Every structure is written in structure tokens, then in C-alpha cells.
N, C-alpha and C. Protein backbone atom coordinates (compact mmCIF):
# COMPACT_ATOMS: atom_id res chain seq x y z
N LEU A 1 0.83 -1.20 0.00
CA LEU A 1 0.00 0.00 0.00
C LEU A 1 0.86 1.25 0.00
N ALA A 2 1.94 1.25 0.78
CA ALA A 2 2.78 2.44 0.87
C ALA A 2 3.43 2.76 -0.48
N PHE A 3 3.93 1.76 -1.16
CA PHE A 3 4.56 2.02 -2.45
C PHE A 3 3.52 2.38 -3.50
N GLY A 4 2.31 1.88 -3.36
CA GLY A 4 1.24 2.29 -4.27
C GLY A 4 0.89 3.76 -4.10
N LEU A 5 0.81 4.21 -2.87
CA LEU A 5 0.55 5.62 -2.61
C LEU A 5 1.71 6.48 -3.08
N PHE A 6 2.91 5.99 -2.89
CA PHE A 6 4.10 6.70 -3.36
C PHE A 6 4.09 6.80 -4.88
N GLY A 7 3.67 5.73 -5.55
CA GLY A 7 3.57 5.74 -7.01
C GLY A 7 2.52 6.69 -7.52
N ILE A 8 1.34 6.69 -6.90
CA ILE A 8 0.28 7.61 -7.29
C ILE A 8 0.73 9.06 -7.11
N ALA A 9 1.40 9.34 -6.01
CA ALA A 9 1.89 10.70 -5.77
C ALA A 9 2.89 11.11 -6.84
N ALA A 10 3.78 10.21 -7.21
CA ALA A 10 4.78 10.53 -8.23
C ALA A 10 4.13 10.74 -9.59
N ILE A 11 3.20 9.86 -9.95
CA ILE A 11 2.54 9.98 -11.26
C ILE A 11 1.72 11.25 -11.34
N CYS A 12 0.96 11.55 -10.29
CA CYS A 12 0.11 12.74 -10.31
C CYS A 12 0.92 14.03 -10.27
N SER A 13 2.03 14.04 -9.56
CA SER A 13 2.83 15.26 -9.50
C SER A 13 3.55 15.53 -10.81
N LEU A 14 3.76 14.52 -11.61
CA LEU A 14 4.45 14.68 -12.89
C LEU A 14 3.49 14.63 -14.08
N MET A 15 2.21 14.78 -13.83
CA MET A 15 1.18 14.65 -14.86
C MET A 15 1.24 15.80 -15.87
N THR A 16 1.05 15.45 -17.12
CA THR A 16 0.91 16.42 -18.20
C THR A 16 -0.38 16.09 -18.94
N LYS A 17 -0.57 16.66 -20.12
CA LYS A 17 -1.78 16.38 -20.88
C LYS A 17 -1.79 14.99 -21.50
N SER A 18 -0.62 14.41 -21.69
CA SER A 18 -0.56 13.07 -22.27
C SER A 18 -0.76 12.02 -21.18
N PHE A 19 -1.04 10.80 -21.61
CA PHE A 19 -1.31 9.71 -20.67
C PHE A 19 -0.07 9.39 -19.82
N LEU A 20 1.03 9.13 -20.46
CA LEU A 20 2.29 8.88 -19.76
C LEU A 20 3.38 9.72 -20.42
N ASN A 21 4.29 10.19 -19.63
CA ASN A 21 5.44 10.88 -20.18
C ASN A 21 6.71 10.25 -19.62
N ARG A 22 7.84 10.71 -20.10
CA ARG A 22 9.11 10.11 -19.69
C ARG A 22 9.37 10.27 -18.20
N ARG A 23 9.01 11.41 -17.66
CA ARG A 23 9.25 11.64 -16.23
C ARG A 23 8.43 10.68 -15.37
N GLN A 24 7.19 10.42 -15.76
CA GLN A 24 6.36 9.48 -15.01
C GLN A 24 6.92 8.07 -15.09
N ILE A 25 7.33 7.67 -16.29
CA ILE A 25 7.89 6.32 -16.46
C ILE A 25 9.18 6.19 -15.66
N LEU A 26 10.02 7.22 -15.67
CA LEU A 26 11.25 7.19 -14.89
C LEU A 26 10.96 7.11 -13.40
N ALA A 27 9.98 7.88 -12.93
CA ALA A 27 9.62 7.86 -11.51
C ALA A 27 9.13 6.48 -11.08
N VAL A 28 8.26 5.87 -11.87
CA VAL A 28 7.74 4.54 -11.54
C VAL A 28 8.87 3.51 -11.59
N SER A 29 9.77 3.64 -12.56
CA SER A 29 10.90 2.72 -12.65
C SER A 29 11.81 2.84 -11.43
N LEU A 30 12.08 4.07 -11.01
CA LEU A 30 12.92 4.26 -9.83
C LEU A 30 12.25 3.73 -8.56
N ILE A 31 10.95 3.89 -8.46
CA ILE A 31 10.23 3.32 -7.31
C ILE A 31 10.30 1.80 -7.35
N ALA A 32 10.17 1.23 -8.55
CA ALA A 32 10.25 -0.23 -8.69
C ALA A 32 11.63 -0.74 -8.28
N LEU A 33 12.68 0.03 -8.53
CA LEU A 33 14.02 -0.35 -8.09
C LEU A 33 14.24 -0.09 -6.60
N LEU A 34 13.54 0.89 -6.07
CA LEU A 34 13.66 1.22 -4.65
C LEU A 34 13.07 0.12 -3.76
N ILE A 35 12.06 -0.54 -4.23
CA ILE A 35 11.37 -1.56 -3.43
C ILE A 35 12.33 -2.67 -2.99
N PRO A 36 13.06 -3.34 -3.91
CA PRO A 36 14.00 -4.37 -3.44
C PRO A 36 15.19 -3.78 -2.67
N ALA A 37 15.57 -2.53 -2.98
CA ALA A 37 16.68 -1.91 -2.25
C ALA A 37 16.32 -1.70 -0.79
N VAL A 38 15.10 -1.25 -0.54
CA VAL A 38 14.65 -1.05 0.84
C VAL A 38 14.56 -2.40 1.56
N GLU A 39 14.09 -3.40 0.86
CA GLU A 39 13.99 -4.73 1.46
C GLU A 39 15.38 -5.29 1.77
N PHE A 40 16.31 -5.10 0.85
CA PHE A 40 17.67 -5.60 1.06
C PHE A 40 18.36 -4.85 2.20
N ALA A 41 18.05 -3.58 2.39
CA ALA A 41 18.65 -2.79 3.46
C ALA A 41 18.26 -3.30 4.83
N GLN A 42 17.25 -4.11 4.91
CA GLN A 42 16.83 -4.65 6.20
C GLN A 42 17.79 -5.71 6.74
N ILE A 43 18.77 -6.11 5.94
CA ILE A 43 19.77 -7.08 6.41
C ILE A 43 20.48 -6.55 7.66
N TRP A 44 20.72 -5.25 7.68
CA TRP A 44 21.48 -4.66 8.77
C TRP A 44 20.61 -4.26 9.96
N MET A 45 19.34 -4.50 9.89
CA MET A 45 18.46 -4.19 11.02
C MET A 45 18.26 -5.47 11.84
N PRO A 46 18.55 -5.44 13.12
CA PRO A 46 18.58 -6.67 13.92
C PRO A 46 17.28 -7.46 13.96
N GLU A 47 16.16 -6.81 14.06
CA GLU A 47 14.90 -7.55 14.23
C GLU A 47 14.10 -7.68 12.94
N ARG A 48 14.71 -7.33 11.81
CA ARG A 48 14.02 -7.42 10.52
C ARG A 48 14.66 -8.52 9.69
N HIS A 49 13.94 -9.00 8.69
CA HIS A 49 14.49 -10.00 7.80
C HIS A 49 14.08 -9.67 6.36
N VAL A 50 14.88 -10.13 5.44
CA VAL A 50 14.62 -9.90 4.02
C VAL A 50 13.63 -10.96 3.55
N ASP A 51 12.56 -10.50 2.91
CA ASP A 51 11.53 -11.42 2.45
C ASP A 51 11.14 -11.05 1.02
N PHE A 52 11.26 -11.98 0.12
CA PHE A 52 10.94 -11.73 -1.28
C PHE A 52 9.45 -11.45 -1.47
N LYS A 53 8.62 -11.97 -0.57
CA LYS A 53 7.18 -11.71 -0.65
C LYS A 53 6.89 -10.22 -0.45
N ASP A 54 7.67 -9.57 0.38
CA ASP A 54 7.48 -8.13 0.58
C ASP A 54 7.82 -7.35 -0.69
N VAL A 55 8.83 -7.80 -1.42
CA VAL A 55 9.19 -7.16 -2.69
C VAL A 55 8.04 -7.34 -3.69
N LEU A 56 7.50 -8.54 -3.76
CA LEU A 56 6.38 -8.80 -4.67
C LEU A 56 5.16 -7.98 -4.29
N ASN A 57 4.90 -7.86 -2.99
CA ASN A 57 3.77 -7.05 -2.54
C ASN A 57 3.98 -5.57 -2.86
N GLY A 58 5.20 -5.10 -2.74
CA GLY A 58 5.50 -3.72 -3.10
C GLY A 58 5.28 -3.47 -4.58
N TRP A 59 5.76 -4.39 -5.41
CA TRP A 59 5.54 -4.27 -6.86
C TRP A 59 4.06 -4.37 -7.20
N LEU A 60 3.33 -5.23 -6.49
CA LEU A 60 1.89 -5.35 -6.71
C LEU A 60 1.18 -4.04 -6.37
N GLY A 61 1.55 -3.44 -5.26
CA GLY A 61 0.96 -2.16 -4.88
C GLY A 61 1.25 -1.08 -5.90
N LEU A 62 2.47 -1.05 -6.41
CA LEU A 62 2.83 -0.08 -7.44
C LEU A 62 2.06 -0.35 -8.73
N GLY A 63 1.90 -1.61 -9.08
CA GLY A 63 1.13 -1.96 -10.27
C GLY A 63 -0.33 -1.59 -10.16
N VAL A 64 -0.91 -1.81 -8.99
CA VAL A 64 -2.31 -1.42 -8.76
C VAL A 64 -2.46 0.09 -8.86
N ALA A 65 -1.49 0.81 -8.33
CA ALA A 65 -1.54 2.28 -8.41
C ALA A 65 -1.48 2.74 -9.86
N CYS A 66 -0.63 2.12 -10.66
CA CYS A 66 -0.54 2.49 -12.08
C CYS A 66 -1.82 2.14 -12.83
N ALA A 67 -2.40 0.99 -12.50
CA ALA A 67 -3.66 0.60 -13.13
C ALA A 67 -4.79 1.54 -12.72
N LEU A 68 -4.82 1.94 -11.47
CA LEU A 68 -5.82 2.88 -11.00
C LEU A 68 -5.67 4.23 -11.71
N TYR A 69 -4.44 4.67 -11.88
CA TYR A 69 -4.19 5.91 -12.61
C TYR A 69 -4.71 5.79 -14.04
N ALA A 70 -4.46 4.65 -14.70
CA ALA A 70 -4.92 4.46 -16.08
C ALA A 70 -6.44 4.50 -16.16
N VAL A 71 -7.12 3.87 -15.23
CA VAL A 71 -8.59 3.86 -15.24
C VAL A 71 -9.14 5.26 -15.00
N VAL A 72 -8.59 5.98 -14.03
CA VAL A 72 -9.07 7.33 -13.74
C VAL A 72 -8.80 8.25 -14.94
N TRP A 73 -7.64 8.12 -15.55
CA TRP A 73 -7.31 8.95 -16.72
C TRP A 73 -8.28 8.66 -17.86
N TRP A 74 -8.59 7.38 -18.08
CA TRP A 74 -9.51 6.99 -19.14
C TRP A 74 -10.91 7.56 -18.88
N ILE A 75 -11.39 7.46 -17.65
CA ILE A 75 -12.71 8.01 -17.30
C ILE A 75 -12.71 9.52 -17.46
N TRP A 76 -11.62 10.17 -17.07
CA TRP A 76 -11.51 11.63 -17.21
C TRP A 76 -11.58 12.03 -18.69
N GLN A 77 -10.93 11.28 -19.56
CA GLN A 77 -10.96 11.58 -20.99
C GLN A 77 -12.37 11.42 -21.56
N ILE A 78 -13.08 10.40 -21.15
CA ILE A 78 -14.46 10.20 -21.60
C ILE A 78 -15.34 11.34 -21.11
N ALA A 79 -15.15 11.74 -19.85
CA ALA A 79 -15.96 12.83 -19.31
C ALA A 79 -15.67 14.14 -20.03
N ARG A 80 -14.42 14.38 -20.37
CA ARG A 80 -14.07 15.60 -21.11
C ARG A 80 -14.69 15.61 -22.50
N ARG A 81 -14.68 14.46 -23.16
CA ARG A 81 -15.27 14.39 -24.51
C ARG A 81 -16.77 14.61 -24.45
N CYS A 82 -17.43 14.01 -23.46
CA CYS A 82 -18.88 14.18 -23.33
C CYS A 82 -19.22 15.62 -22.97
N GLY A 83 -18.39 16.27 -22.17
CA GLY A 83 -18.63 17.64 -21.78
C GLY A 83 -18.40 18.63 -22.90
N SER A 84 -17.48 18.31 -23.81
CA SER A 84 -17.19 19.24 -24.90
C SER A 84 -18.20 19.13 -26.03
N LYS A 85 -19.00 18.07 -26.08
CA LYS A 85 -20.00 17.90 -27.15
C LYS A 85 -21.22 18.76 -26.91
N LYS A 86 -21.43 19.20 -25.69
CA LYS A 86 -22.63 19.97 -25.37
C LYS A 86 -22.48 21.40 -25.73
């Protein structure tokens, strides 16, 4: 959930008129690389352990955030087209 919210924040803050731009793709890619890095950094924390399931859950949250962005953008485009026809 945290990485999904982080992804939505990055995508929305870098939004332009197009669906996806290079900055958004770069931001999502960097977040996707950050997820295993944060998990790997837990090696040095005494009461934490590295778990590949956490990496998969982080990527899943980021993927859901991207899919949610796509759906909202698509609905927004339909609403804009319907509003401009009147």
C-alpha cells in the first residue's frame, strides 16, 4: 500500500496532458528499483528479515496504483469528450 501511494503521488505530481510521459515512467521505474533496495537494506536491522514476498507485494501495490491511474485517466478523458460535445 505504501509504495502504491508513493507511485500515485509521483505519477500525479508529474502529470501532463498526455497519458504517460518520460518523467512518469522514470519515476515509476525508480520506485520499482527502490522496493527491493529497501527490502535488502533490512539485512542490517537486527529484528528485521529480508523477504521476497514483501518485494512482490511492493511491486503489486505499485502496479495497482498504475492501473488505478490508467482507469481514472480513461474516465476523465471520456468525461471531457462528453462535456465538450454539449
